[in-house]
N, C-alpha and C. Protein backbone atom coordinates (compact mmCIF):
# COMPACT_ATOMS: atom_id res chain seq x y z
N MET A 1 76.12 -108.63 -2.55
CA MET A 1 75.41 -109.65 -1.81
C MET A 1 74.19 -109.06 -1.10
N ALA A 2 74.34 -107.86 -0.50
CA ALA A 2 73.23 -107.22 0.20
C ALA A 2 72.12 -106.85 -0.79
N LYS A 3 72.52 -106.40 -2.02
CA LYS A 3 71.53 -106.05 -3.03
C LYS A 3 70.75 -107.29 -3.47
N MET A 4 71.46 -108.42 -3.65
CA MET A 4 70.80 -109.66 -4.05
C MET A 4 69.86 -110.14 -2.95
N LYS A 5 70.25 -109.99 -1.69
CA LYS A 5 69.40 -110.41 -0.57
C LYS A 5 68.15 -109.54 -0.51
N LYS A 6 68.31 -108.23 -0.79
CA LYS A 6 67.18 -107.30 -0.76
C LYS A 6 66.19 -107.66 -1.87
N GLU A 7 66.70 -107.97 -3.10
CA GLU A 7 65.83 -108.37 -4.20
C GLU A 7 65.10 -109.67 -3.88
N HIS A 8 65.83 -110.61 -3.27
CA HIS A 8 65.23 -111.89 -2.89
C HIS A 8 64.11 -111.68 -1.87
N THR A 9 64.34 -110.80 -0.89
CA THR A 9 63.34 -110.50 0.13
C THR A 9 62.11 -109.86 -0.49
N THR A 10 62.31 -108.93 -1.44
CA THR A 10 61.20 -108.26 -2.11
C THR A 10 60.39 -109.28 -2.92
N GLN A 11 61.07 -110.16 -3.64
CA GLN A 11 60.38 -111.19 -4.41
C GLN A 11 59.61 -112.13 -3.48
N HIS A 12 60.22 -112.49 -2.36
CA HIS A 12 59.56 -113.37 -1.39
C HIS A 12 58.30 -112.69 -0.84
N TYR A 13 58.42 -111.39 -0.53
CA TYR A 13 57.29 -110.62 -0.01
C TYR A 13 56.15 -110.58 -1.03
N LEU A 14 56.49 -110.30 -2.32
CA LEU A 14 55.47 -110.24 -3.36
C LEU A 14 54.80 -111.60 -3.57
N ALA A 15 55.60 -112.66 -3.52
CA ALA A 15 55.05 -114.00 -3.67
C ALA A 15 54.09 -114.33 -2.53
N CYS A 16 54.45 -113.94 -1.31
CA CYS A 16 53.57 -114.17 -0.15
C CYS A 16 52.28 -113.38 -0.28
N CYS A 17 52.37 -112.13 -0.76
CA CYS A 17 51.16 -111.30 -0.94
C CYS A 17 50.24 -111.93 -1.99
N LEU A 18 50.82 -112.42 -3.08
CA LEU A 18 50.03 -113.06 -4.12
C LEU A 18 49.35 -114.32 -3.60
N LEU A 19 50.09 -115.12 -2.85
CA LEU A 19 49.54 -116.34 -2.27
C LEU A 19 48.41 -116.01 -1.29
N LEU A 20 48.61 -114.99 -0.47
CA LEU A 20 47.57 -114.57 0.48
C LEU A 20 46.32 -114.10 -0.26
N ALA A 21 46.50 -113.31 -1.34
CA ALA A 21 45.36 -112.83 -2.12
C ALA A 21 44.60 -114.00 -2.73
N LEU A 22 45.31 -114.99 -3.26
CA LEU A 22 44.66 -116.16 -3.83
C LEU A 22 43.89 -116.95 -2.78
N LEU A 23 44.49 -117.10 -1.60
CA LEU A 23 43.81 -117.83 -0.53
C LEU A 23 42.56 -117.10 -0.08
N LEU A 24 42.66 -115.77 0.06
CA LEU A 24 41.48 -114.99 0.47
C LEU A 24 40.37 -115.07 -0.56
N SER A 25 40.73 -115.00 -1.85
CA SER A 25 39.67 -115.08 -2.87
C SER A 25 39.05 -116.47 -2.90
N ALA A 26 39.84 -117.49 -2.66
CA ALA A 26 39.30 -118.85 -2.64
C ALA A 26 38.38 -119.05 -1.45
N CYS A 27 38.73 -118.44 -0.32
CA CYS A 27 37.89 -118.59 0.87
C CYS A 27 36.59 -117.80 0.75
N SER A 28 36.64 -116.64 0.07
CA SER A 28 35.44 -115.82 -0.02
C SER A 28 34.55 -116.21 -1.19
N ALA A 29 35.07 -116.95 -2.16
CA ALA A 29 34.26 -117.38 -3.30
C ALA A 29 33.26 -118.42 -2.84
N PRO A 30 32.04 -118.38 -3.38
CA PRO A 30 31.06 -119.39 -3.00
C PRO A 30 31.54 -120.77 -3.44
N GLN A 31 31.37 -121.73 -2.58
CA GLN A 31 31.80 -123.09 -2.88
C GLN A 31 30.67 -123.78 -3.65
N VAL A 32 30.96 -124.15 -4.89
CA VAL A 32 29.96 -124.78 -5.74
C VAL A 32 30.26 -126.27 -5.82
N LYS A 33 29.26 -127.05 -5.54
CA LYS A 33 29.40 -128.50 -5.61
C LYS A 33 28.98 -128.96 -7.01
N PRO A 34 29.56 -130.04 -7.52
CA PRO A 34 29.23 -130.50 -8.88
C PRO A 34 27.74 -130.67 -9.12
N TYR A 35 26.98 -131.16 -8.13
CA TYR A 35 25.55 -131.35 -8.35
C TYR A 35 24.83 -130.01 -8.49
N GLU A 36 25.39 -128.94 -7.87
CA GLU A 36 24.76 -127.63 -8.01
C GLU A 36 24.95 -127.08 -9.41
N ILE A 37 26.10 -127.35 -10.03
CA ILE A 37 26.34 -126.90 -11.40
C ILE A 37 25.33 -127.57 -12.32
N LYS A 38 25.15 -128.87 -12.19
CA LYS A 38 24.19 -129.58 -13.01
C LYS A 38 22.79 -129.04 -12.77
N LYS A 39 22.45 -128.81 -11.52
CA LYS A 39 21.12 -128.31 -11.18
C LYS A 39 20.88 -126.94 -11.82
N ALA A 40 21.89 -126.07 -11.80
CA ALA A 40 21.72 -124.72 -12.34
C ALA A 40 21.57 -124.74 -13.86
N ASN A 41 22.10 -125.74 -14.54
CA ASN A 41 22.01 -125.80 -15.98
C ASN A 41 20.72 -126.45 -16.46
N GLU A 42 19.97 -127.08 -15.60
CA GLU A 42 18.72 -127.72 -15.97
C GLU A 42 17.57 -126.72 -15.83
N ALA A 43 16.47 -127.00 -16.50
CA ALA A 43 15.27 -126.18 -16.32
C ALA A 43 14.60 -126.66 -15.04
N ASN A 44 15.11 -126.23 -13.92
CA ASN A 44 14.63 -126.68 -12.62
C ASN A 44 14.00 -125.48 -11.91
N TRP A 45 12.69 -125.50 -11.80
CA TRP A 45 11.99 -124.35 -11.24
C TRP A 45 12.27 -124.16 -9.76
N GLU A 46 12.73 -125.20 -9.08
CA GLU A 46 13.04 -125.08 -7.65
C GLU A 46 14.22 -124.16 -7.39
N ARG A 47 15.06 -123.94 -8.39
CA ARG A 47 16.23 -123.08 -8.19
C ARG A 47 15.88 -121.59 -8.22
N TYR A 48 14.63 -121.28 -8.59
CA TYR A 48 14.20 -119.88 -8.62
C TYR A 48 13.94 -119.42 -7.20
N TYR A 49 14.73 -118.46 -6.74
CA TYR A 49 14.70 -118.01 -5.35
C TYR A 49 13.43 -117.20 -5.08
N PRO A 50 12.60 -117.67 -4.13
CA PRO A 50 11.38 -116.91 -3.81
C PRO A 50 11.76 -115.64 -3.05
N THR A 51 11.35 -114.51 -3.57
CA THR A 51 11.70 -113.24 -2.94
C THR A 51 10.66 -112.19 -3.29
N ASP A 52 10.82 -111.05 -2.70
CA ASP A 52 9.95 -109.91 -2.92
C ASP A 52 10.52 -109.08 -4.07
N LEU A 53 9.68 -108.68 -5.02
CA LEU A 53 10.14 -107.92 -6.17
C LEU A 53 10.89 -106.66 -5.74
N GLN A 54 10.39 -105.97 -4.74
CA GLN A 54 11.04 -104.73 -4.31
C GLN A 54 12.44 -104.99 -3.75
N LEU A 55 12.64 -106.14 -3.08
CA LEU A 55 13.97 -106.47 -2.56
C LEU A 55 14.96 -106.66 -3.71
N VAL A 56 14.53 -107.30 -4.78
CA VAL A 56 15.41 -107.48 -5.95
C VAL A 56 15.75 -106.12 -6.54
N ILE A 57 14.75 -105.27 -6.70
CA ILE A 57 14.97 -103.94 -7.27
C ILE A 57 15.92 -103.14 -6.39
N ASP A 58 15.70 -103.18 -5.07
CA ASP A 58 16.59 -102.45 -4.15
C ASP A 58 18.03 -102.93 -4.27
N GLU A 59 18.22 -104.24 -4.33
CA GLU A 59 19.57 -104.81 -4.44
C GLU A 59 20.21 -104.46 -5.78
N GLN A 60 19.45 -104.63 -6.86
CA GLN A 60 20.01 -104.37 -8.20
C GLN A 60 20.22 -102.88 -8.47
N SER A 61 19.48 -102.03 -7.78
CA SER A 61 19.62 -100.59 -8.02
C SER A 61 21.00 -100.07 -7.62
N LYS A 62 21.73 -100.82 -6.83
CA LYS A 62 23.09 -100.41 -6.45
C LYS A 62 24.02 -100.38 -7.66
N ALA A 63 23.69 -101.16 -8.70
CA ALA A 63 24.56 -101.24 -9.88
C ALA A 63 24.01 -100.45 -11.07
N ILE A 64 22.91 -99.74 -10.88
CA ILE A 64 22.24 -99.07 -12.00
C ILE A 64 22.46 -97.56 -11.91
N ASN A 65 22.65 -96.92 -13.06
CA ASN A 65 22.78 -95.47 -13.14
C ASN A 65 21.37 -94.87 -13.23
N PHE A 66 20.98 -94.12 -12.21
CA PHE A 66 19.64 -93.53 -12.17
C PHE A 66 19.60 -92.08 -12.66
N SER A 67 20.73 -91.54 -13.03
CA SER A 67 20.81 -90.13 -13.35
C SER A 67 19.92 -89.76 -14.53
N PRO A 68 18.92 -88.88 -14.30
CA PRO A 68 18.06 -88.47 -15.42
C PRO A 68 18.82 -87.65 -16.45
N GLU A 69 19.96 -87.05 -16.04
CA GLU A 69 20.76 -86.27 -16.98
C GLU A 69 21.49 -87.20 -17.96
N VAL A 70 21.98 -88.32 -17.46
CA VAL A 70 22.74 -89.24 -18.30
C VAL A 70 21.80 -90.13 -19.10
N LYS A 71 20.78 -90.64 -18.45
CA LYS A 71 19.78 -91.52 -19.07
C LYS A 71 20.42 -92.59 -19.95
N MET A 72 21.20 -93.44 -19.31
CA MET A 72 21.75 -94.59 -20.03
C MET A 72 20.55 -95.34 -20.58
N ASN A 73 20.43 -95.41 -21.88
CA ASN A 73 19.25 -96.04 -22.47
C ASN A 73 19.10 -97.48 -22.04
N ILE A 74 20.24 -98.20 -21.97
CA ILE A 74 20.19 -99.62 -21.62
C ILE A 74 21.23 -99.92 -20.57
N ASN A 75 20.81 -100.56 -19.50
CA ASN A 75 21.71 -101.05 -18.46
C ASN A 75 21.53 -102.56 -18.38
N ALA A 76 22.40 -103.32 -19.04
CA ALA A 76 22.33 -104.77 -18.99
C ALA A 76 23.10 -105.26 -17.78
N ILE A 77 22.53 -106.18 -17.03
CA ILE A 77 23.17 -106.74 -15.85
C ILE A 77 23.67 -108.13 -16.22
N ALA A 78 24.96 -108.35 -16.06
CA ALA A 78 25.57 -109.63 -16.47
C ALA A 78 25.44 -110.67 -15.38
N ASN A 79 24.22 -111.05 -15.08
CA ASN A 79 23.99 -112.19 -14.17
C ASN A 79 22.79 -112.95 -14.70
N ASN A 80 22.57 -114.08 -14.15
CA ASN A 80 21.37 -114.82 -14.54
C ASN A 80 20.76 -115.48 -13.30
N TYR A 81 20.60 -114.67 -12.26
CA TYR A 81 20.00 -115.16 -11.03
C TYR A 81 18.51 -115.38 -11.23
N PRO A 82 18.00 -116.55 -10.91
CA PRO A 82 16.58 -116.82 -11.07
C PRO A 82 15.80 -116.41 -9.81
N TYR A 83 14.71 -115.69 -10.01
CA TYR A 83 13.86 -115.25 -8.91
C TYR A 83 12.43 -115.72 -9.14
N ARG A 84 11.73 -115.96 -8.06
CA ARG A 84 10.29 -116.22 -8.11
C ARG A 84 9.63 -115.10 -7.34
N VAL A 85 8.84 -114.27 -8.04
CA VAL A 85 8.22 -113.10 -7.42
C VAL A 85 6.71 -113.14 -7.61
N LYS A 86 6.00 -112.59 -6.64
CA LYS A 86 4.54 -112.58 -6.68
C LYS A 86 4.06 -111.20 -7.11
N VAL A 87 3.21 -111.17 -8.13
CA VAL A 87 2.65 -109.94 -8.67
C VAL A 87 1.18 -110.17 -9.01
N ILE A 88 0.53 -109.12 -9.48
CA ILE A 88 -0.87 -109.22 -9.90
C ILE A 88 -0.93 -109.16 -11.44
N TYR A 89 -1.64 -110.12 -12.00
CA TYR A 89 -1.81 -110.22 -13.45
C TYR A 89 -2.88 -109.23 -13.90
N LEU A 90 -2.58 -108.42 -14.94
CA LEU A 90 -3.53 -107.41 -15.40
C LEU A 90 -4.11 -107.70 -16.79
N ASP A 91 -3.84 -108.86 -17.35
CA ASP A 91 -4.46 -109.32 -18.60
C ASP A 91 -4.30 -108.33 -19.76
N GLU A 92 -3.10 -107.75 -19.88
CA GLU A 92 -2.78 -106.90 -21.03
C GLU A 92 -1.42 -107.33 -21.56
N TYR A 93 -1.32 -107.38 -22.88
CA TYR A 93 -0.02 -107.67 -23.47
C TYR A 93 0.14 -106.87 -24.75
N ARG A 94 1.41 -106.75 -25.14
CA ARG A 94 1.75 -106.00 -26.35
C ARG A 94 3.07 -106.55 -26.90
N LYS A 95 3.39 -106.13 -28.11
CA LYS A 95 4.66 -106.51 -28.70
C LYS A 95 5.78 -105.87 -27.88
N ILE A 96 6.88 -106.60 -27.72
CA ILE A 96 8.00 -106.09 -26.94
C ILE A 96 8.63 -104.87 -27.65
N SER A 97 9.06 -103.91 -26.86
CA SER A 97 9.68 -102.71 -27.44
C SER A 97 11.07 -103.06 -27.98
N ASP A 98 11.52 -102.26 -28.95
CA ASP A 98 12.84 -102.47 -29.54
C ASP A 98 13.95 -102.34 -28.50
N ASP A 99 13.81 -101.39 -27.57
CA ASP A 99 14.83 -101.21 -26.53
C ASP A 99 14.92 -102.43 -25.61
N LYS A 100 13.78 -102.98 -25.25
CA LYS A 100 13.81 -104.18 -24.40
C LYS A 100 14.37 -105.37 -25.16
N LYS A 101 14.05 -105.47 -26.43
CA LYS A 101 14.60 -106.55 -27.25
C LYS A 101 16.14 -106.43 -27.32
N LEU A 102 16.63 -105.21 -27.51
CA LEU A 102 18.07 -104.97 -27.54
C LEU A 102 18.70 -105.30 -26.18
N LEU A 103 18.03 -104.92 -25.10
CA LEU A 103 18.53 -105.23 -23.76
C LEU A 103 18.63 -106.74 -23.56
N ILE A 104 17.59 -107.48 -23.92
CA ILE A 104 17.60 -108.93 -23.74
C ILE A 104 18.72 -109.55 -24.57
N THR A 105 18.91 -109.07 -25.79
CA THR A 105 19.98 -109.57 -26.65
C THR A 105 21.35 -109.28 -26.02
N SER A 106 21.56 -108.07 -25.53
CA SER A 106 22.83 -107.70 -24.89
C SER A 106 23.07 -108.55 -23.65
N TRP A 107 22.04 -108.69 -22.84
CA TRP A 107 22.15 -109.51 -21.62
C TRP A 107 22.47 -110.95 -21.99
N GLY A 108 21.74 -111.50 -22.94
CA GLY A 108 21.94 -112.88 -23.34
C GLY A 108 23.35 -113.16 -23.82
N ARG A 109 23.90 -112.23 -24.57
CA ARG A 109 25.28 -112.39 -25.04
C ARG A 109 26.25 -112.31 -23.88
N SER A 110 25.98 -111.42 -22.92
CA SER A 110 26.92 -111.26 -21.80
C SER A 110 26.95 -112.48 -20.89
N VAL A 111 25.85 -113.20 -20.80
CA VAL A 111 25.83 -114.41 -19.97
C VAL A 111 25.87 -115.68 -20.82
N GLN A 112 26.16 -115.51 -22.11
CA GLN A 112 26.37 -116.60 -23.06
C GLN A 112 25.17 -117.54 -23.18
N ILE A 113 24.01 -116.93 -23.36
CA ILE A 113 22.79 -117.71 -23.58
C ILE A 113 22.57 -117.83 -25.08
N ASP A 114 22.13 -118.98 -25.49
CA ASP A 114 21.89 -119.28 -26.90
C ASP A 114 20.95 -118.24 -27.52
N GLU A 115 21.30 -117.78 -28.70
CA GLU A 115 20.51 -116.77 -29.42
C GLU A 115 19.07 -117.22 -29.64
N LYS A 116 18.84 -118.53 -29.79
CA LYS A 116 17.47 -119.04 -29.98
C LYS A 116 16.62 -118.73 -28.75
N PHE A 117 17.20 -118.83 -27.56
CA PHE A 117 16.46 -118.53 -26.34
C PHE A 117 16.10 -117.05 -26.28
N ILE A 118 17.03 -116.21 -26.65
CA ILE A 118 16.80 -114.76 -26.61
C ILE A 118 15.61 -114.38 -27.50
N ASN A 119 15.48 -115.04 -28.63
CA ASN A 119 14.43 -114.70 -29.60
C ASN A 119 13.04 -115.17 -29.22
N VAL A 120 12.87 -115.90 -28.12
CA VAL A 120 11.53 -116.35 -27.73
C VAL A 120 10.73 -115.27 -27.01
N PHE A 121 11.34 -114.10 -26.79
CA PHE A 121 10.65 -113.01 -26.10
C PHE A 121 10.16 -112.00 -27.12
N GLY A 122 8.92 -112.18 -27.56
CA GLY A 122 8.33 -111.29 -28.55
C GLY A 122 7.24 -110.40 -28.00
N HIS A 123 6.76 -110.73 -26.80
CA HIS A 123 5.68 -109.97 -26.17
C HIS A 123 6.04 -109.63 -24.73
N GLU A 124 5.34 -108.65 -24.22
CA GLU A 124 5.47 -108.34 -22.80
C GLU A 124 4.07 -108.20 -22.22
N MET A 125 3.97 -108.53 -20.94
CA MET A 125 2.67 -108.47 -20.26
C MET A 125 2.74 -107.48 -19.10
N LEU A 126 1.59 -106.95 -18.77
CA LEU A 126 1.49 -105.96 -17.71
C LEU A 126 1.16 -106.63 -16.38
N PHE A 127 1.95 -106.29 -15.36
CA PHE A 127 1.76 -106.79 -14.01
C PHE A 127 1.81 -105.62 -13.04
N LYS A 128 1.22 -105.85 -11.89
CA LYS A 128 1.21 -104.81 -10.85
C LYS A 128 1.86 -105.37 -9.60
N TYR A 129 2.73 -104.56 -9.02
CA TYR A 129 3.32 -104.89 -7.74
C TYR A 129 3.12 -103.67 -6.85
N GLY A 130 2.33 -103.82 -5.79
CA GLY A 130 1.97 -102.65 -4.99
C GLY A 130 1.18 -101.71 -5.87
N SER A 131 1.67 -100.48 -6.01
CA SER A 131 1.00 -99.51 -6.88
C SER A 131 1.77 -99.29 -8.18
N THR A 132 2.82 -100.07 -8.41
CA THR A 132 3.68 -99.89 -9.58
C THR A 132 3.34 -100.90 -10.67
N LEU A 133 3.29 -100.42 -11.91
CA LEU A 133 3.02 -101.26 -13.07
C LEU A 133 4.34 -101.63 -13.75
N PHE A 134 4.43 -102.86 -14.21
CA PHE A 134 5.62 -103.37 -14.90
C PHE A 134 5.20 -104.09 -16.17
N TRP A 135 5.89 -103.81 -17.26
CA TRP A 135 5.75 -104.57 -18.50
C TRP A 135 6.93 -105.53 -18.56
N PHE A 136 6.69 -106.82 -18.37
CA PHE A 136 7.75 -107.82 -18.37
C PHE A 136 7.69 -108.66 -19.65
N PRO A 137 8.83 -108.84 -20.32
CA PRO A 137 8.89 -109.72 -21.48
C PRO A 137 8.55 -111.16 -21.08
N ILE A 138 7.73 -111.80 -21.90
CA ILE A 138 7.22 -113.15 -21.65
C ILE A 138 7.66 -114.05 -22.80
N GLN A 139 8.01 -115.28 -22.49
CA GLN A 139 8.28 -116.23 -23.56
C GLN A 139 7.01 -116.40 -24.39
N ASN A 140 7.16 -116.37 -25.70
CA ASN A 140 6.01 -116.42 -26.61
C ASN A 140 5.05 -117.56 -26.31
N GLN A 141 5.58 -118.75 -26.03
CA GLN A 141 4.70 -119.91 -25.83
C GLN A 141 3.87 -119.81 -24.55
N LEU A 142 4.20 -118.89 -23.64
CA LEU A 142 3.44 -118.75 -22.39
C LEU A 142 2.18 -117.90 -22.54
N VAL A 143 2.14 -117.03 -23.55
CA VAL A 143 1.04 -116.07 -23.68
C VAL A 143 -0.33 -116.76 -23.65
N PRO A 144 -0.59 -117.81 -24.44
CA PRO A 144 -1.93 -118.42 -24.39
C PRO A 144 -2.25 -119.06 -23.04
N TYR A 145 -1.23 -119.55 -22.33
CA TYR A 145 -1.46 -120.17 -21.02
C TYR A 145 -1.84 -119.12 -19.97
N PHE A 146 -1.22 -117.94 -20.04
CA PHE A 146 -1.63 -116.86 -19.14
C PHE A 146 -3.11 -116.56 -19.35
N LYS A 147 -3.51 -116.42 -20.61
CA LYS A 147 -4.89 -116.06 -20.93
C LYS A 147 -5.87 -117.16 -20.52
N ARG A 148 -5.45 -118.41 -20.61
CA ARG A 148 -6.32 -119.55 -20.28
C ARG A 148 -6.43 -119.77 -18.78
N GLU A 149 -5.33 -119.62 -18.06
CA GLU A 149 -5.28 -120.02 -16.66
C GLU A 149 -5.52 -118.89 -15.65
N LEU A 150 -5.45 -117.64 -16.10
CA LEU A 150 -5.58 -116.52 -15.17
C LEU A 150 -6.66 -115.55 -15.63
N LYS A 151 -7.17 -114.80 -14.68
CA LYS A 151 -8.06 -113.70 -15.03
C LYS A 151 -7.49 -112.43 -14.41
N LYS A 152 -7.89 -111.30 -14.94
CA LYS A 152 -7.39 -110.02 -14.47
C LYS A 152 -7.57 -109.91 -12.95
N GLY A 153 -6.49 -109.53 -12.28
CA GLY A 153 -6.52 -109.37 -10.83
C GLY A 153 -5.99 -110.56 -10.05
N ASP A 154 -5.74 -111.69 -10.73
CA ASP A 154 -5.19 -112.87 -10.05
C ASP A 154 -3.75 -112.62 -9.60
N ALA A 155 -3.43 -113.13 -8.43
CA ALA A 155 -2.03 -113.13 -7.97
C ALA A 155 -1.32 -114.27 -8.68
N VAL A 156 -0.09 -114.00 -9.12
CA VAL A 156 0.67 -114.99 -9.87
C VAL A 156 2.13 -114.95 -9.44
N ASN A 157 2.73 -116.13 -9.36
CA ASN A 157 4.17 -116.23 -9.11
C ASN A 157 4.86 -116.32 -10.46
N LEU A 158 5.77 -115.38 -10.72
CA LEU A 158 6.53 -115.38 -11.96
C LEU A 158 7.92 -115.95 -11.71
N TYR A 159 8.34 -116.83 -12.57
CA TYR A 159 9.70 -117.36 -12.54
C TYR A 159 10.51 -116.49 -13.50
N THR A 160 11.32 -115.61 -12.93
CA THR A 160 11.93 -114.54 -13.70
C THR A 160 13.45 -114.50 -13.55
N MET A 161 14.04 -113.70 -14.42
CA MET A 161 15.45 -113.35 -14.32
C MET A 161 15.53 -111.86 -14.60
N PHE A 162 16.25 -111.14 -13.75
CA PHE A 162 16.44 -109.71 -13.96
C PHE A 162 17.55 -109.51 -14.98
N VAL A 163 17.26 -108.75 -16.05
CA VAL A 163 18.25 -108.55 -17.10
C VAL A 163 18.77 -107.12 -17.17
N GLY A 164 18.09 -106.16 -16.55
CA GLY A 164 18.57 -104.78 -16.55
C GLY A 164 17.44 -103.79 -16.63
N THR A 165 17.78 -102.59 -17.11
CA THR A 165 16.79 -101.52 -17.20
C THR A 165 16.89 -100.84 -18.57
N VAL A 166 15.80 -100.20 -18.96
CA VAL A 166 15.77 -99.35 -20.15
C VAL A 166 14.98 -98.09 -19.81
N TRP A 167 15.30 -97.00 -20.49
CA TRP A 167 14.51 -95.77 -20.36
C TRP A 167 13.46 -95.78 -21.45
N GLU A 168 12.19 -95.70 -21.05
CA GLU A 168 11.07 -95.60 -21.99
C GLU A 168 10.11 -94.56 -21.47
N ASP A 169 9.63 -93.72 -22.35
CA ASP A 169 8.67 -92.67 -21.98
C ASP A 169 9.16 -91.87 -20.78
N ASP A 170 10.45 -91.54 -20.79
CA ASP A 170 11.08 -90.72 -19.76
C ASP A 170 11.06 -91.36 -18.37
N GLN A 171 10.93 -92.69 -18.33
CA GLN A 171 10.98 -93.42 -17.06
C GLN A 171 11.88 -94.64 -17.21
N MET A 172 12.58 -94.98 -16.15
CA MET A 172 13.39 -96.19 -16.18
C MET A 172 12.49 -97.39 -15.92
N GLN A 173 12.60 -98.40 -16.78
CA GLN A 173 11.81 -99.61 -16.68
C GLN A 173 12.70 -100.76 -16.21
N TRP A 174 12.26 -101.48 -15.19
CA TRP A 174 12.96 -102.66 -14.71
C TRP A 174 12.53 -103.84 -15.56
N VAL A 175 13.49 -104.56 -16.11
CA VAL A 175 13.16 -105.62 -17.06
C VAL A 175 13.50 -106.98 -16.46
N PHE A 176 12.46 -107.75 -16.24
CA PHE A 176 12.56 -109.13 -15.77
C PHE A 176 11.98 -110.00 -16.87
N ILE A 177 12.74 -110.96 -17.39
CA ILE A 177 12.16 -111.87 -18.37
C ILE A 177 11.40 -112.96 -17.61
N VAL A 178 10.27 -113.36 -18.15
CA VAL A 178 9.42 -114.35 -17.49
C VAL A 178 9.56 -115.68 -18.24
N ASN A 179 10.01 -116.70 -17.50
CA ASN A 179 10.25 -118.02 -18.08
C ASN A 179 9.14 -119.02 -17.76
N GLU A 180 8.36 -118.74 -16.73
CA GLU A 180 7.27 -119.63 -16.33
C GLU A 180 6.41 -118.85 -15.33
N PHE A 181 5.24 -119.40 -15.02
CA PHE A 181 4.36 -118.77 -14.03
C PHE A 181 3.53 -119.84 -13.36
N GLN A 182 2.95 -119.45 -12.24
CA GLN A 182 2.04 -120.33 -11.51
C GLN A 182 1.07 -119.44 -10.75
N LYS A 183 -0.21 -119.75 -10.88
CA LYS A 183 -1.20 -118.99 -10.13
C LYS A 183 -0.87 -119.12 -8.64
N ALA A 184 -0.85 -117.98 -7.94
CA ALA A 184 -0.49 -117.96 -6.54
C ALA A 184 -1.68 -118.38 -5.68
N ARG A 185 -1.37 -119.08 -4.63
CA ARG A 185 -2.42 -119.42 -3.66
C ARG A 185 -2.59 -118.22 -2.75
N GLU A 186 -3.81 -117.86 -2.51
CA GLU A 186 -4.09 -116.68 -1.67
C GLU A 186 -3.79 -116.93 -0.23
């Protein structure tokens, strides 16, 4: 009888711990309202969080391996947080590198984005933030609009998503895909 009572007490204790863990995770999880789910699935530019590019890099760098000895060629980040960042347009573009294309494909699969969307990134454009230069992949259909609406040196707000990093030319490159842009007001 004492052994059965001890087993019952242990099971009760484990059940209480499990219940407590579930309650804590439910309380700490962000509460999502149905309208927010719909909003996040739409092409709604208002959901792009206005922030400083360096703040995003500082936050994301906590999950990235910076070791030059290891040099993880590709670090895909499995999130799809939308950011709106202000940079300077430098009016240069080129075909996207194979490593960045592979990164975008890996990221897209990890966040379950349609393969058709992943394939719209065929070029990257050069931007400046502070004294740092960034080559960001751009949706193909945006390239002529950049050239038409901006001139070299214009400040521009990019509607971006951070997808990860790649090592190119012995440097780690931060990769933000660009989904839209708007000339910034000075």
